[in-house]
């Protein structure tokens, strides 16, 4: 399944960023769906909900941006635009 492969890669990247930020959880994720990615926002969300279950991004607010630029170098891709994270609680 094509979606499962790129979602695993996307979640690995999100995990890497969250770990570098010492985050306790990811609160928001924004992705750009390339014009030739064959993904609609609704289709992506369905797969996202399954893939993110149990991950640090499980309850993150998902925002999708849909590109219509067929000549964009990333037209075939789903690109991570940004994530928002919750910082760890300071030690007492």
Protein backbone atom coordinates (compact mmCIF):
# COMPACT_ATOMS: atom_id res chain seq x y z
CA UNK A 1 0.00 0.00 0.00
CA UNK A 2 1.52 3.27 -1.19
CA UNK A 3 -0.13 5.35 1.55
CA UNK A 4 1.22 3.18 4.36
CA UNK A 5 4.79 3.54 3.11
CA UNK A 6 4.84 7.30 2.94
CA UNK A 7 2.87 7.70 6.15
CA UNK A 8 5.45 5.58 8.00
CA UNK A 9 8.19 7.80 6.60
CA UNK A 10 6.26 10.94 7.50
CA UNK A 11 5.66 9.75 11.07
CA UNK A 12 9.35 8.81 11.42
CA UNK A 13 10.26 12.36 10.42
CA UNK A 14 7.73 13.78 12.88
CA UNK A 15 9.20 11.56 15.62
CA UNK A 16 12.71 12.81 14.79
CA UNK A 17 11.67 16.45 14.98
CA UNK A 18 9.71 15.92 18.20
CA UNK A 19 12.65 14.10 19.80
CA UNK A 20 15.04 16.89 18.81
CA UNK A 21 12.66 19.37 20.45
CA UNK A 22 12.29 17.14 23.56
CA UNK A 23 8.54 17.29 22.96
CA UNK A 24 6.04 15.28 24.94
CA UNK A 25 3.55 15.28 22.07
CA UNK A 26 2.81 16.75 18.68
CA UNK A 27 -0.19 19.08 18.76
CA UNK A 28 -0.46 20.04 15.08
CA UNK A 29 0.81 18.79 11.72
CA UNK A 30 0.61 20.56 8.37
CA UNK A 31 1.27 18.69 5.13
CA UNK A 32 1.19 19.74 1.49
CA UNK A 33 -0.38 17.31 -0.96
CA UNK A 34 1.27 17.59 -4.35
CA UNK A 35 -0.93 18.08 -7.39
CA UNK A 36 0.10 14.65 -8.71
CA UNK A 37 0.21 12.83 -5.36
CA UNK A 38 -3.17 11.18 -6.02
CA UNK A 39 -4.28 12.19 -2.53
CA UNK A 40 -7.28 14.28 -1.58
CA UNK A 41 -7.37 15.87 1.88
CA UNK A 42 -10.16 13.47 2.93
CA UNK A 43 -8.31 10.41 1.65
CA UNK A 44 -5.12 11.52 3.39
CA UNK A 45 -6.98 12.12 6.68
CA UNK A 46 -8.45 8.59 6.63
CA UNK A 47 -4.99 7.08 6.32
CA UNK A 48 -3.48 9.58 8.77
CA UNK A 49 -5.96 8.68 11.52
CA UNK A 50 -5.00 5.01 11.26
CA UNK A 51 -1.24 5.58 10.93
CA UNK A 52 -0.98 8.16 13.72
CA UNK A 53 -2.93 6.05 16.26
CA UNK A 54 -0.65 5.31 19.19
CA UNK A 55 2.06 7.70 18.00
CA UNK A 56 3.28 10.96 19.48
CA UNK A 57 1.09 12.69 16.87
CA UNK A 58 -2.09 10.73 17.62
CA UNK A 59 -4.27 13.66 18.64
CA UNK A 60 -2.56 16.33 16.55
CA UNK A 61 -4.68 18.75 14.56
CA UNK A 62 -4.05 17.88 10.91
CA UNK A 63 -4.02 20.60 8.27
CA UNK A 64 -3.65 19.71 4.61
CA UNK A 65 -2.67 22.12 1.88
CA UNK A 66 -3.55 20.96 -1.62
CA UNK A 67 -1.26 22.15 -4.40
CA UNK A 68 -2.53 22.54 -7.95
CA UNK A 69 0.91 23.25 -9.45
CA UNK A 70 1.64 20.38 -11.84
CA UNK A 71 5.15 21.73 -12.51
CA UNK A 72 6.21 21.89 -8.84
CA UNK A 73 9.24 19.71 -8.08
CA UNK A 74 7.19 18.12 -5.27
CA UNK A 75 4.02 17.58 -7.32
CA UNK A 76 4.17 13.81 -6.74
CA UNK A 77 4.84 14.09 -3.01
CA UNK A 78 3.20 14.60 0.31
CA UNK A 79 5.46 17.09 2.06
CA UNK A 80 5.71 17.86 5.76
CA UNK A 81 5.31 21.63 6.07
CA UNK A 82 5.38 22.04 9.85
CA UNK A 83 4.61 20.54 13.22
CA UNK A 84 3.75 22.12 16.55
CA UNK A 85 4.89 20.36 19.68
CA UNK A 86 4.17 20.43 23.38
CA UNK A 87 7.30 21.01 25.38
CA UNK A 88 8.12 18.78 28.33
CA UNK A 89 7.14 20.08 31.74
CA UNK A 90 10.04 21.77 33.50
CA UNK A 91 11.69 19.78 36.28
CA UNK A 92 10.60 20.89 39.73
